[in-house]
C-alpha atoms as a PDB file:
ATOM      1  CA  UNK A   1      30.769  27.123 -48.075  1.00  0.00           C
ATOM      2  CA  UNK A   2      28.840  29.982 -46.590  1.00  0.00           C
ATOM      3  CA  UNK A   3      26.363  29.648 -49.372  1.00  0.00           C
ATOM      4  CA  UNK A   4      25.829  25.939 -48.686  1.00  0.00           C
ATOM      5  CA  UNK A   5      25.324  26.551 -44.966  1.00  0.00           C
ATOM      6  CA  UNK A   6      22.759  29.253 -45.633  1.00  0.00           C
ATOM      7  CA  UNK A   7      20.905  26.953 -48.024  1.00  0.00           C
ATOM      8  CA  UNK A   8      20.796  24.200 -45.410  1.00  0.00           C
ATOM      9  CA  UNK A   9      19.409  26.569 -42.793  1.00  0.00           C
ATOM     10  CA  UNK A  10      16.820  27.774 -45.259  1.00  0.00           C
ATOM     11  CA  UNK A  11      15.704  24.199 -46.053  1.00  0.00           C
ATOM     12  CA  UNK A  12      15.566  23.366 -42.305  1.00  0.00           C
ATOM     13  CA  UNK A  13      13.461  26.414 -41.619  1.00  0.00           C
ATOM     14  CA  UNK A  14      11.116  25.504 -44.453  1.00  0.00           C
ATOM     15  CA  UNK A  15      10.762  21.961 -43.163  1.00  0.00           C
ATOM     16  CA  UNK A  16      10.091  23.233 -39.636  1.00  0.00           C
ATOM     17  CA  UNK A  17       7.491  25.667 -40.968  1.00  0.00           C
ATOM     18  CA  UNK A  18       5.755  22.906 -42.870  1.00  0.00           C
ATOM     19  CA  UNK A  19       5.715  20.719 -39.786  1.00  0.00           C
ATOM     20  CA  UNK A  20       4.211  23.521 -37.736  1.00  0.00           C
ATOM     21  CA  UNK A  21       1.517  24.108 -40.341  1.00  0.00           C
ATOM     22  CA  UNK A  22       0.638  20.400 -40.388  1.00  0.00           C
ATOM     23  CA  UNK A  23       0.542  20.358 -36.566  1.00  0.00           C
ATOM     24  CA  UNK A  24      -1.718  23.410 -36.538  1.00  0.00           C
ATOM     25  CA  UNK A  25      -4.018  21.756 -39.077  1.00  0.00           C
ATOM     26  CA  UNK A  26      -4.287  18.574 -37.023  1.00  0.00           C
ATOM     27  CA  UNK A  27      -4.819  20.555 -33.836  1.00  0.00           C
ATOM     28  CA  UNK A  28      -7.579  22.589 -35.475  1.00  0.00           C
ATOM     29  CA  UNK A  29      -9.263  19.397 -36.669  1.00  0.00           C
ATOM     30  CA  UNK A  30      -8.902  17.574 -33.309  1.00  0.00           C
ATOM     31  CA  UNK A  31     -10.448  20.304 -31.142  1.00  0.00           C
ATOM     32  CA  UNK A  32     -13.972  20.253 -32.661  1.00  0.00           C
ATOM     33  CA  UNK A  33     -13.917  16.445 -32.763  1.00  0.00           C
ATOM     34  CA  UNK A  34     -13.041  16.311 -29.067  1.00  0.00           C
ATOM     35  CA  UNK A  35     -15.819  18.763 -28.227  1.00  0.00           C
ATOM     36  CA  UNK A  36     -18.353  16.705 -30.194  1.00  0.00           C
ATOM     37  CA  UNK A  37     -17.279  13.510 -28.445  1.00  0.00           C
ATOM     38  CA  UNK A  38     -17.456  15.195 -25.012  1.00  0.00           C
ATOM     39  CA  UNK A  39     -20.956  16.527 -25.740  1.00  0.00           C
ATOM     40  CA  UNK A  40     -22.183  13.144 -26.941  1.00  0.00           C
ATOM     41  CA  UNK A  41     -20.708  11.436 -23.885  1.00  0.00           C
ATOM     42  CA  UNK A  42     -22.329  13.980 -21.565  1.00  0.00           C
ATOM     43  CA  UNK A  43     -25.712  13.549 -23.278  1.00  0.00           C
ATOM     44  CA  UNK A  44     -25.424   9.766 -23.105  1.00  0.00           C
ATOM     45  CA  UNK A  45     -24.505   9.799 -19.426  1.00  0.00           C
ATOM     46  CA  UNK A  46     -27.383  12.168 -18.702  1.00  0.00           C
ATOM     47  CA  UNK A  47     -29.880   9.899 -20.462  1.00  0.00           C
ATOM     48  CA  UNK A  48     -28.454   6.849 -18.715  1.00  0.00           C
ATOM     49  CA  UNK A  49     -28.704   8.547 -15.304  1.00  0.00           C
ATOM     50  CA  UNK A  50     -32.300   9.574 -15.965  1.00  0.00           C
ATOM     51  CA  UNK A  51     -33.214   6.031 -17.006  1.00  0.00           C
ATOM     52  CA  UNK A  52     -31.620   4.554 -13.878  1.00  0.00           C
ATOM     53  CA  UNK A  53     -33.391   7.049 -11.634  1.00  0.00           C
ATOM     54  CA  UNK A  54     -36.716   6.292 -13.310  1.00  0.00           C
ATOM     55  CA  UNK A  55     -36.184   2.533 -12.940  1.00  0.00           C
ATOM     56  CA  UNK A  56     -35.297   2.813  -9.239  1.00  0.00           C
ATOM     57  CA  UNK A  57     -38.320   4.972  -8.511  1.00  0.00           C
ATOM     58  CA  UNK A  58     -40.640   2.336  -9.959  1.00  0.00           C
ATOM     59  CA  UNK A  59     -43.626   2.939 -12.191  1.00  0.00           C
ATOM     60  CA  UNK A  60     -45.457   6.195 -11.890  1.00  0.00           C
ATOM     61  CA  UNK A  61     -48.174   5.812  -9.259  1.00  0.00           C
ATOM     62  CA  UNK A  62     -51.506   6.131 -10.951  1.00  0.00           C
ATOM     63  CA  UNK A  63     -54.259   7.864  -8.966  1.00  0.00           C
ATOM     64  CA  UNK A  64     -56.544   5.424  -7.157  1.00  0.00           C
ATOM     65  CA  UNK A  65     -60.037   5.307  -8.579  1.00  0.00           C
ATOM     66  CA  UNK A  66     -62.622   7.102  -6.555  1.00  0.00           C
ATOM     67  CA  UNK A  67     -64.768   4.741  -4.457  1.00  0.00           C
ATOM     68  CA  UNK A  68     -68.101   4.033  -5.943  1.00  0.00           C
ATOM     69  CA  UNK A  69     -70.840   5.998  -4.201  1.00  0.00           C
ATOM     70  CA  UNK A  70     -73.077   3.951  -1.969  1.00  0.00           C
ATOM     71  CA  UNK A  71     -76.736   4.446  -2.470  1.00  0.00           C
ATOM     72  CA  UNK A  72     -78.706   4.419   0.747  1.00  0.00           C
ATOM     73  CA  UNK A  73     -81.523   2.745  -1.109  1.00  0.00           C
ATOM     74  CA  UNK A  74     -79.433  -0.406  -1.328  1.00  0.00           C
ATOM     75  CA  UNK A  75     -79.811  -0.917   2.399  1.00  0.00           C
ATOM     76  CA  UNK A  76     -77.509  -0.746   5.434  1.00  0.00           C
ATOM     77  CA  UNK A  77     -74.076  -2.277   5.654  1.00  0.00           C
ATOM     78  CA  UNK A  78     -73.970  -5.914   6.601  1.00  0.00           C
ATOM     79  CA  UNK A  79     -73.329  -6.711  10.255  1.00  0.00           C
ATOM     80  CA  UNK A  80     -74.073  -9.309  12.903  1.00  0.00           C
ATOM     81  CA  UNK A  81     -77.230  -7.463  13.911  1.00  0.00           C
ATOM     82  CA  UNK A  82     -78.287  -5.909  10.583  1.00  0.00           C
ATOM     83  CA  UNK A  83     -80.803  -8.320   9.128  1.00  0.00           C
ATOM     84  CA  UNK A  84     -82.971  -5.713   7.441  1.00  0.00           C
ATOM     85  CA  UNK A  85     -82.789  -4.853   3.741  1.00  0.00           C
ATOM     86  CA  UNK A  86     -84.563  -1.645   2.826  1.00  0.00           C
ATOM     87  CA  UNK A  87     -87.603  -2.278   0.690  1.00  0.00           C
ATOM     88  CA  UNK A  88     -87.828  -5.974   1.602  1.00  0.00           C
ATOM     89  CA  UNK A  89     -90.814  -6.495   3.868  1.00  0.00           C
ATOM     90  CA  UNK A  90     -89.772 -10.061   4.704  1.00  0.00           C
ATOM     91  CA  UNK A  91     -86.368  -9.128   6.109  1.00  0.00           C
ATOM     92  CA  UNK A  92     -87.915  -6.200   8.008  1.00  0.00           C
ATOM     93  CA  UNK A  93     -90.059  -8.682   9.887  1.00  0.00           C
ATOM     94  CA  UNK A  94     -86.966 -10.494  11.178  1.00  0.00           C
ATOM     95  CA  UNK A  95     -86.370  -7.591  13.599  1.00  0.00           C
ATOM     96  CA  UNK A  96     -90.032  -7.005  14.452  1.00  0.00           C
ATOM     97  CA  UNK A  97     -91.276  -6.591  18.013  1.00  0.00           C
ATOM     98  CA  UNK A  98     -93.245  -9.885  18.086  1.00  0.00           C
ATOM     99  CA  UNK A  99     -90.075 -11.863  17.353  1.00  0.00           C
ATOM    100  CA  UNK A 100     -88.168  -9.949  20.029  1.00  0.00           C
ATOM    101  CA  UNK A 101     -90.790 -10.988  22.579  1.00  0.00           C
ATOM    102  CA  UNK A 102     -90.722 -14.702  21.802  1.00  0.00           C
ATOM    103  CA  UNK A 103     -86.947 -14.784  21.161  1.00  0.00           C
ATOM    104  CA  UNK A 104     -85.949 -12.476  24.003  1.00  0.00           C
ATOM    105  CA  UNK A 105     -83.824  -9.360  23.976  1.00  0.00           C
ATOM    106  CA  UNK A 106     -83.868  -6.627  21.361  1.00  0.00           C
ATOM    107  CA  UNK A 107     -82.089  -3.565  20.040  1.00  0.00           C
ATOM    108  CA  UNK A 108     -81.382  -0.609  22.356  1.00  0.00           C
ATOM    109  CA  UNK A 109     -84.539   1.433  22.818  1.00  0.00           C
ATOM    110  CA  UNK A 110     -86.955  -1.266  21.619  1.00  0.00           C
ATOM    111  CA  UNK A 111     -89.816  -2.199  23.915  1.00  0.00           C
ATOM    112  CA  UNK A 112     -92.364  -4.995  23.851  1.00  0.00           C
ATOM    113  CA  UNK A 113     -95.624  -5.923  25.544  1.00  0.00           C
ATOM    114  CA  UNK A 114     -97.181  -9.385  25.731  1.00  0.00           C
ATOM    115  CA  UNK A 115    -100.756 -10.073  26.833  1.00  0.00           C
ATOM    116  CA  UNK A 116    -101.772 -13.727  26.772  1.00  0.00           C
ATOM    117  CA  UNK A 117    -104.709 -15.703  28.063  1.00  0.00           C
ATOM    118  CA  UNK A 118    -105.588 -19.376  28.093  1.00  0.00           C
ATOM    119  CA  UNK A 119    -106.134 -22.340  30.324  1.00  0.00           C
ATOM    120  CA  UNK A 120    -105.076 -22.282  33.060  1.00  0.00           C
ATOM    121  CA  UNK A 121    -102.400 -19.578  32.673  1.00  0.00           C
ATOM    122  CA  UNK A 122    -102.618 -15.863  31.943  1.00  0.00           C
ATOM    123  CA  UNK A 123     -99.649 -13.512  31.600  1.00  0.00           C
ATOM    124  CA  UNK A 124     -98.853  -9.833  31.240  1.00  0.00           C
ATOM    125  CA  UNK A 125     -95.230  -9.112  30.340  1.00  0.00           C
ATOM    126  CA  UNK A 126     -93.295  -5.962  29.398  1.00  0.00           C
ATOM    127  CA  UNK A 127     -89.654  -5.540  28.405  1.00  0.00           C
ATOM    128  CA  UNK A 128     -87.315  -2.717  27.375  1.00  0.00           C
ATOM    129  CA  UNK A 129     -83.929  -3.270  25.724  1.00  0.00           C
ATOM    130  CA  UNK A 130     -80.784  -1.267  26.456  1.00  0.00           C
ATOM    131  CA  UNK A 131     -77.142  -1.323  25.390  1.00  0.00           C
ATOM    132  CA  UNK A 132     -75.180  -4.594  25.165  1.00  0.00           C
ATOM    133  CA  UNK A 133     -78.419  -6.550  24.753  1.00  0.00           C
ATOM    134  CA  UNK A 134     -79.542  -6.142  28.381  1.00  0.00           C
ATOM    135  CA  UNK A 135     -83.325  -6.251  28.702  1.00  0.00           C
ATOM    136  CA  UNK A 136     -85.173  -5.525  31.981  1.00  0.00           C
ATOM    137  CA  UNK A 137     -88.417  -7.482  32.344  1.00  0.00           C
ATOM    138  CA  UNK A 138     -91.591  -6.971  34.384  1.00  0.00           C
ATOM    139  CA  UNK A 139     -94.094  -9.820  34.481  1.00  0.00           C
ATOM    140  CA  UNK A 140     -97.373 -10.766  36.134  1.00  0.00           C
ATOM    141  CA  UNK A 141     -98.607 -14.344  35.881  1.00  0.00           C
ATOM    142  CA  UNK A 142    -101.785 -15.964  37.130  1.00  0.00           C
ATOM    143  CA  UNK A 143    -103.454 -19.361  37.087  1.00  0.00           C
ATOM    144  CA  UNK A 144    -107.250 -19.125  37.192  1.00  0.00           C
ATOM    145  CA  UNK A 145    -106.938 -15.982  39.319  1.00  0.00           C
ATOM    146  CA  UNK A 146    -105.872 -18.131  42.256  1.00  0.00           C
ATOM    147  CA  UNK A 147    -102.155 -18.479  41.832  1.00  0.00           C
ATOM    148  CA  UNK A 148    -100.380 -15.131  41.421  1.00  0.00           C
ATOM    149  CA  UNK A 149     -96.785 -14.411  40.602  1.00  0.00           C
ATOM    150  CA  UNK A 150     -95.411 -10.886  40.062  1.00  0.00           C
ATOM    151  CA  UNK A 151     -91.771 -10.893  38.897  1.00  0.00           C
ATOM    152  CA  UNK A 152     -88.937  -8.654  37.758  1.00  0.00           C
ATOM    153  CA  UNK A 153     -85.843  -9.805  35.889  1.00  0.00           C
ATOM    154  CA  UNK A 154     -83.102  -9.211  33.386  1.00  0.00           C
ATOM    155  CA  UNK A 155     -82.620 -10.816  29.983  1.00  0.00           C
ATOM    156  CA  UNK A 156     -79.653 -11.048  27.632  1.00  0.00           C
ATOM    157  CA  UNK A 157     -79.603 -12.140  23.998  1.00  0.00           C
ATOM    158  CA  UNK A 158     -76.740 -14.582  23.415  1.00  0.00           C
ATOM    159  CA  UNK A 159     -77.193 -15.497  19.762  1.00  0.00           C
ATOM    160  CA  UNK A 160     -78.489 -12.989  17.230  1.00  0.00           C
ATOM    161  CA  UNK A 161     -78.660 -14.327  13.679  1.00  0.00           C
ATOM    162  CA  UNK A 162     -81.194 -13.642  10.931  1.00  0.00           C
ATOM    163  CA  UNK A 163     -83.006 -16.913  11.596  1.00  0.00           C
ATOM    164  CA  UNK A 164     -81.823 -17.917  15.082  1.00  0.00           C
ATOM    165  CA  UNK A 165     -82.377 -16.076  18.383  1.00  0.00           C
ATOM    166  CA  UNK A 166     -81.200 -17.428  21.716  1.00  0.00           C
ATOM    167  CA  UNK A 167     -81.507 -15.544  25.000  1.00  0.00           C
ATOM    168  CA  UNK A 168     -81.376 -16.176  28.713  1.00  0.00           C
ATOM    169  CA  UNK A 169     -83.390 -14.561  31.498  1.00  0.00           C
ATOM    170  CA  UNK A 170     -83.137 -14.410  35.290  1.00  0.00           C
ATOM    171  CA  UNK A 171     -86.241 -13.457  37.253  1.00  0.00           C
ATOM    172  CA  UNK A 172     -87.074 -12.916  40.933  1.00  0.00           C
ATOM    173  CA  UNK A 173     -90.698 -13.271  41.938  1.00  0.00           C
ATOM    174  CA  UNK A 174     -93.069 -13.540  44.839  1.00  0.00           C
ATOM    175  CA  UNK A 175     -95.542 -16.398  44.672  1.00  0.00           C
ATOM    176  CA  UNK A 176     -98.799 -16.511  46.581  1.00  0.00           C
ATOM    177  CA  UNK A 177    -101.752 -18.846  46.266  1.00  0.00           C
ATOM    178  CA  UNK A 178    -105.355 -18.180  47.264  1.00  0.00           C
ATOM    179  CA  UNK A 179    -107.812 -18.815  48.943  1.00  0.00           C
ATOM    180  CA  UNK A 180    -106.624 -17.863  52.367  1.00  0.00           C
ATOM    181  CA  UNK A 181    -107.351 -21.274  53.848  1.00  0.00           C
ATOM    182  CA  UNK A 182    -104.701 -22.957  51.691  1.00  0.00           C
ATOM    183  CA  UNK A 183    -102.503 -19.930  51.143  1.00  0.00           C
ATOM    184  CA  UNK A 184     -98.922 -20.581  50.089  1.00  0.00           C
ATOM    185  CA  UNK A 185     -96.429 -17.810  49.592  1.00  0.00           C
ATOM    186  CA  UNK A 186     -92.719 -17.223  49.301  1.00  0.00           C
ATOM    187  CA  UNK A 187     -89.872 -15.881  47.159  1.00  0.00           C
ATOM    188  CA  UNK A 188     -89.071 -17.529  43.865  1.00  0.00           C
ATOM    189  CA  UNK A 189     -86.091 -17.466  41.471  1.00  0.00           C
ATOM    190  CA  UNK A 190     -86.345 -18.518  37.837  1.00  0.00           C
ATOM    191  CA  UNK A 191     -83.862 -19.299  35.062  1.00  0.00           C
ATOM    192  CA  UNK A 192     -85.421 -19.115  31.610  1.00  0.00           C
ATOM    193  CA  UNK A 193     -84.136 -20.001  28.142  1.00  0.00           C
ATOM    194  CA  UNK A 194     -85.749 -18.708  24.937  1.00  0.00           C
ATOM    195  CA  UNK A 195     -85.038 -20.030  21.447  1.00  0.00           C
ATOM    196  CA  UNK A 196     -86.775 -18.741  18.296  1.00  0.00           C
ATOM    197  CA  UNK A 197     -86.378 -19.330  14.545  1.00  0.00           C
ATOM    198  CA  UNK A 198     -87.773 -16.331  12.607  1.00  0.00           C
ATOM    199  CA  UNK A 199     -88.564 -17.041   8.963  1.00  0.00           C
ATOM    200  CA  UNK A 200     -90.350 -14.313   7.020  1.00  0.00           C
ATOM    201  CA  UNK A 201     -93.492 -13.587   9.057  1.00  0.00           C
ATOM    202  CA  UNK A 202     -93.488 -16.596  11.385  1.00  0.00           C
ATOM    203  CA  UNK A 203     -91.226 -17.735  14.199  1.00  0.00           C
ATOM    204  CA  UNK A 204     -91.468 -21.153  15.862  1.00  0.00           C
ATOM    205  CA  UNK A 205     -90.156 -20.864  19.405  1.00  0.00           C
ATOM    206  CA  UNK A 206     -89.296 -22.896  22.489  1.00  0.00           C
ATOM    207  CA  UNK A 207     -89.186 -21.725  26.109  1.00  0.00           C
ATOM    208  CA  UNK A 208     -87.614 -23.729  28.940  1.00  0.00           C
ATOM    209  CA  UNK A 209     -87.604 -22.618  32.580  1.00  0.00           C
ATOM    210  CA  UNK A 210     -86.641 -23.781  36.031  1.00  0.00           C
ATOM    211  CA  UNK A 211     -88.322 -22.195  39.067  1.00  0.00           C
ATOM    212  CA  UNK A 212     -87.211 -22.644  42.669  1.00  0.00           C
ATOM    213  CA  UNK A 213     -89.453 -21.431  45.475  1.00  0.00           C
ATOM    214  CA  UNK A 214     -88.991 -21.158  49.232  1.00  0.00           C
ATOM    215  CA  UNK A 215     -92.587 -21.543  50.377  1.00  0.00           C
ATOM    216  CA  UNK A 216     -93.946 -20.402  53.696  1.00  0.00           C
ATOM    217  CA  UNK A 217     -97.218 -22.263  54.063  1.00  0.00           C
ATOM    218  CA  UNK A 218     -99.877 -20.985  56.395  1.00  0.00           C
ATOM    219  CA  UNK A 219    -102.866 -23.123  57.267  1.00  0.00           C
ATOM    220  CA  UNK A 220    -105.881 -21.956  59.242  1.00  0.00           C
ATOM    221  CA  UNK A 221    -108.196 -24.520  60.783  1.00  0.00           C
ATOM    222  CA  UNK A 222    -111.450 -23.540  62.425  1.00  0.00           C
ATOM    223  CA  UNK A 223    -112.256 -25.644  65.461  1.00  0.00           C
ATOM    224  CA  UNK A 224    -114.901 -25.469  68.114  1.00  0.00           C
ATOM    225  CA  UNK A 225    -112.363 -23.919  70.384  1.00  0.00           C
ATOM    226  CA  UNK A 226    -111.322 -21.275  67.791  1.00  0.00           C
ATOM    227  CA  UNK A 227    -109.169 -20.761  64.735  1.00  0.00           C
ATOM    228  CA  UNK A 228    -105.857 -22.560  64.682  1.00  0.00           C
ATOM    229  CA  UNK A 229    -103.079 -21.233  62.391  1.00  0.00           C
ATOM    230  CA  UNK A 230     -99.992 -23.223  61.501  1.00  0.00           C
ATOM    231  CA  UNK A 231     -96.960 -22.213  59.416  1.00  0.00           C
ATOM    232  CA  UNK A 232     -94.364 -24.353  57.705  1.00  0.00           C
ATOM    233  CA  UNK A 233     -91.483 -23.777  55.298  1.00  0.00           C
ATOM    234  CA  UNK A 234     -90.527 -26.008  52.398  1.00  0.00           C
ATOM    235  CA  UNK A 235     -88.657 -25.993  49.130  1.00  0.00           C
ATOM    236  CA  UNK A 236     -90.580 -26.297  45.861  1.00  0.00           C
ATOM    237  CA  UNK A 237     -89.418 -26.776  42.283  1.00  0.00           C
ATOM    238  CA  UNK A 238     -91.414 -26.136  39.107  1.00  0.00           C
ATOM    239  CA  UNK A 239     -90.281 -26.999  35.601  1.00  0.00           C
ATOM    240  CA  UNK A 240     -91.710 -25.272  32.556  1.00  0.00           C
ATOM    241  CA  UNK A 241     -91.753 -25.853  28.810  1.00  0.00           C
ATOM    242  CA  UNK A 242     -93.649 -23.982  26.105  1.00  0.00           C
ATOM    243  CA  UNK A 243     -93.715 -24.692  22.382  1.00  0.00           C
ATOM    244  CA  UNK A 244     -95.435 -22.200  20.126  1.00  0.00           C
ATOM    245  CA  UNK A 245     -95.615 -20.208  16.918  1.00  0.00           C
ATOM    246  CA  UNK A 246     -95.515 -16.427  16.611  1.00  0.00           C
ATOM    247  CA  UNK A 247     -96.880 -14.547  13.586  1.00  0.00           C
ATOM    248  CA  UNK A 248     -95.852 -10.964  12.820  1.00  0.00           C
ATOM    249  CA  UNK A 249     -98.856  -9.177  11.344  1.00  0.00           C
ATOM    250  CA  UNK A 250     -96.946  -5.910  11.119  1.00  0.00           C
ATOM    251  CA  UNK A 251     -93.609  -4.753  12.442  1.00  0.00           C
ATOM    252  CA  UNK A 252     -95.280  -3.681  15.683  1.00  0.00           C
ATOM    253  CA  UNK A 253     -98.134  -6.177  16.107  1.00  0.00           C
ATOM    254  CA  UNK A 254     -98.260  -9.959  16.179  1.00  0.00           C
ATOM    255  CA  UNK A 255     -99.998 -12.939  17.718  1.00  0.00           C
ATOM    256  CA  UNK A 256     -98.728 -16.216  19.119  1.00  0.00           C
ATOM    257  CA  UNK A 257    -100.199 -19.561  20.038  1.00  0.00           C
ATOM    258  CA  UNK A 258     -98.432 -21.796  22.533  1.00  0.00           C
ATOM    259  CA  UNK A 259     -98.799 -25.093  24.359  1.00  0.00           C
ATOM    260  CA  UNK A 260     -97.665 -24.943  27.992  1.00  0.00           C
ATOM    261  CA  UNK A 261     -96.359 -27.913  29.920  1.00  0.00           C
ATOM    262  CA  UNK A 262     -95.600 -26.782  33.478  1.00  0.00           C
ATOM    263  CA  UNK A 263     -94.596 -29.279  36.138  1.00  0.00           C
ATOM    264  CA  UNK A 264     -96.006 -27.327  39.065  1.00  0.00           C
ATOM    265  CA  UNK A 265     -95.115 -28.353  42.602  1.00  0.00           C
ATOM    266  CA  UNK A 266     -93.028 -31.368  41.637  1.00  0.00           C
ATOM    267  CA  UNK A 267     -93.641 -34.306  42.081  1.00  0.00           C
ATOM    268  CA  UNK A 268     -97.339 -33.665  41.489  1.00  0.00           C
ATOM    269  CA  UNK A 269     -98.784 -34.613  38.111  1.00  0.00           C
ATOM    270  CA  UNK A 270     -98.220 -31.867  35.484  1.00  0.00           C
ATOM    271  CA  UNK A 271    -101.269 -30.271  33.890  1.00  0.00           C
ATOM    272  CA  UNK A 272    -100.772 -29.141  30.254  1.00  0.00           C
ATOM    273  CA  UNK A 273    -102.349 -25.932  29.060  1.00  0.00           C
ATOM    274  CA  UNK A 274    -102.489 -23.573  26.091  1.00  0.00           C
ATOM    275  CA  UNK A 275    -102.596 -19.849  25.507  1.00  0.00           C
ATOM    276  CA  UNK A 276    -103.169 -17.259  22.805  1.00  0.00           C
ATOM    277  CA  UNK A 277    -101.179 -14.044  23.047  1.00  0.00           C
ATOM    278  CA  UNK A 278    -101.148 -10.547  21.607  1.00  0.00           C
ATOM    279  CA  UNK A 279     -97.661  -9.127  20.972  1.00  0.00           C
ATOM    280  CA  UNK A 280     -97.042  -5.385  20.699  1.00  0.00           C
ATOM    281  CA  UNK A 281     -93.904  -3.302  20.455  1.00  0.00           C
ATOM    282  CA  UNK A 282     -91.976  -0.398  19.000  1.00  0.00           C
ATOM    283  CA  UNK A 283     -90.018  -1.138  15.846  1.00  0.00           C
ATOM    284  CA  UNK A 284     -88.197   1.921  14.517  1.00  0.00           C
ATOM    285  CA  UNK A 285     -87.410   0.587  11.039  1.00  0.00           C
ATOM    286  CA  UNK A 286     -84.233   0.589   8.968  1.00  0.00           C
ATOM    287  CA  UNK A 287     -83.560   4.317   9.575  1.00  0.00           C
ATOM    288  CA  UNK A 288     -82.769   3.483  13.200  1.00  0.00           C
ATOM    289  CA  UNK A 289     -80.039   1.107  12.107  1.00  0.00           C
END
């Protein structure tokens, strides 16, 4: 019996040892496999996280292309008052001094001078443009050297397009008429409208005006008993229309021919006239733009 018990314990110990060896073998095989799986899982999660972060950030911003350089020879930038293209003599004429005189107004710093003569009207006119299109005006007008009218005023260009110019002017004048025997004098206010259509070197134009005068008439009558002087006051209205054509010879010099239709001392019969004018001015070219 003791021998049988010892044999049983020996067989049990051998079986237990074999089981432990098999467990150790499986444990040794499972550990590297687990490590490989953990590493693969970590790598996969890392790649997945990187892909998600890249997708949420959007595509890589590519650097914006550098703006193309602008060559000054191509001319100034377009604008409501930039009608000049460098190197194009026709567009340069659109901003010439002669067209500023017949269309009214101008660019800041530009000046113009008009000298015209005809029948029966003669005129000397100067203007100088400042900021915001404001243009002071000085004018002297005469009819056959008998009717004189010095005036000062202010003009403003309302519409400034390459081929359309529209401006308004307000003038205050003093009117006096000679000879002394029929002298008439008094203050005068005028509203004037100028419209011009510059095309290349020519500009058809139209001028409309309304003049209101408070006349103080003085009449001297020589009698046998002496000289008698009488004075009277009255209101007088004069309408004015001129249609003409201006030609720019250069950017600073031009000529113009116009037909005048003034309705002087309404309701008297109007007397049409004509004039030929010389137009001068300072045009500073595209560099001033």
